[in-house]
């Protein structure tokens, strides 16, 4: 059984790009993962929650 606090061995950049809906060069690239109450993207990096600005 896994532990939700287990460190992710994958580079944070790989995790980041999996959460982005990459579209055309001039298009908006929506965030597909967790968001804060204002709708901005968030993800954990090295155990710290990072927010889009």
C-alpha atoms as a PDB file:
ATOM      1  CA  UNK A   1       0.000   0.000   0.000  1.00  0.00           C
ATOM      2  CA  UNK A   2       1.434   3.364  -1.028  1.00  0.00           C
ATOM      3  CA  UNK A   3       2.043   6.322   1.208  1.00  0.00           C
ATOM      4  CA  UNK A   4       0.733   9.642  -0.102  1.00  0.00           C
ATOM      5  CA  UNK A   5       3.781  11.348   1.406  1.00  0.00           C
ATOM      6  CA  UNK A   6       6.300   9.265  -0.535  1.00  0.00           C
ATOM      7  CA  UNK A   7       8.730  11.475  -2.425  1.00  0.00           C
ATOM      8  CA  UNK A   8       8.258  11.523  -6.173  1.00  0.00           C
ATOM      9  CA  UNK A   9      11.555  10.471  -7.788  1.00  0.00           C
ATOM     10  CA  UNK A  10      10.648  12.100 -11.122  1.00  0.00           C
ATOM     11  CA  UNK A  11      12.015  15.552 -12.009  1.00  0.00           C
ATOM     12  CA  UNK A  12       9.566  18.359 -11.214  1.00  0.00           C
ATOM     13  CA  UNK A  13       9.775  19.614 -14.815  1.00  0.00           C
ATOM     14  CA  UNK A  14       8.340  16.324 -16.099  1.00  0.00           C
ATOM     15  CA  UNK A  15       5.499  16.520 -13.577  1.00  0.00           C
ATOM     16  CA  UNK A  16       4.863  20.164 -14.528  1.00  0.00           C
ATOM     17  CA  UNK A  17       4.522  19.541 -18.269  1.00  0.00           C
ATOM     18  CA  UNK A  18       2.111  16.632 -17.680  1.00  0.00           C
ATOM     19  CA  UNK A  19      -0.224  19.165 -16.062  1.00  0.00           C
ATOM     20  CA  UNK A  20      -0.189  21.641 -18.977  1.00  0.00           C
ATOM     21  CA  UNK A  21      -2.462  21.370 -22.018  1.00  0.00           C
ATOM     22  CA  UNK A  22       0.110  22.473 -24.608  1.00  0.00           C
ATOM     23  CA  UNK A  23      -1.569  24.020 -27.633  1.00  0.00           C
ATOM     24  CA  UNK A  24      -0.475  26.316 -30.437  1.00  0.00           C
ATOM     25  CA  UNK A  25       2.377  28.787 -30.031  1.00  0.00           C
ATOM     26  CA  UNK A  26      -0.004  31.766 -29.758  1.00  0.00           C
ATOM     27  CA  UNK A  27      -2.719  29.951 -27.759  1.00  0.00           C
ATOM     28  CA  UNK A  28      -3.392  29.845 -24.037  1.00  0.00           C
ATOM     29  CA  UNK A  29      -1.948  26.706 -22.388  1.00  0.00           C
ATOM     30  CA  UNK A  30      -4.489  25.734 -19.694  1.00  0.00           C
ATOM     31  CA  UNK A  31      -3.455  24.096 -16.426  1.00  0.00           C
ATOM     32  CA  UNK A  32      -5.018  20.615 -16.123  1.00  0.00           C
ATOM     33  CA  UNK A  33      -4.258  19.887 -12.466  1.00  0.00           C
ATOM     34  CA  UNK A  34      -4.986  21.354  -9.033  1.00  0.00           C
ATOM     35  CA  UNK A  35      -5.938  25.002  -8.650  1.00  0.00           C
ATOM     36  CA  UNK A  36      -6.291  27.370  -5.727  1.00  0.00           C
ATOM     37  CA  UNK A  37      -9.562  29.123  -4.820  1.00  0.00           C
ATOM     38  CA  UNK A  38      -8.761  31.925  -7.308  1.00  0.00           C
ATOM     39  CA  UNK A  39      -8.363  29.372 -10.113  1.00  0.00           C
ATOM     40  CA  UNK A  40      -4.575  29.595 -10.411  1.00  0.00           C
ATOM     41  CA  UNK A  41      -2.541  26.427 -10.909  1.00  0.00           C
ATOM     42  CA  UNK A  42      -0.637  24.797  -8.066  1.00  0.00           C
ATOM     43  CA  UNK A  43       1.677  21.825  -7.630  1.00  0.00           C
ATOM     44  CA  UNK A  44       4.147  20.486  -5.088  1.00  0.00           C
ATOM     45  CA  UNK A  45       7.875  20.827  -5.732  1.00  0.00           C
ATOM     46  CA  UNK A  46      10.282  19.419  -3.134  1.00  0.00           C
ATOM     47  CA  UNK A  47       7.413  19.142  -0.636  1.00  0.00           C
ATOM     48  CA  UNK A  48       6.395  22.797  -1.020  1.00  0.00           C
ATOM     49  CA  UNK A  49       3.221  23.937  -2.776  1.00  0.00           C
ATOM     50  CA  UNK A  50       4.063  26.283  -5.638  1.00  0.00           C
ATOM     51  CA  UNK A  51       1.421  28.587  -7.109  1.00  0.00           C
ATOM     52  CA  UNK A  52       1.170  30.071 -10.577  1.00  0.00           C
ATOM     53  CA  UNK A  53       1.413  33.845 -10.700  1.00  0.00           C
END
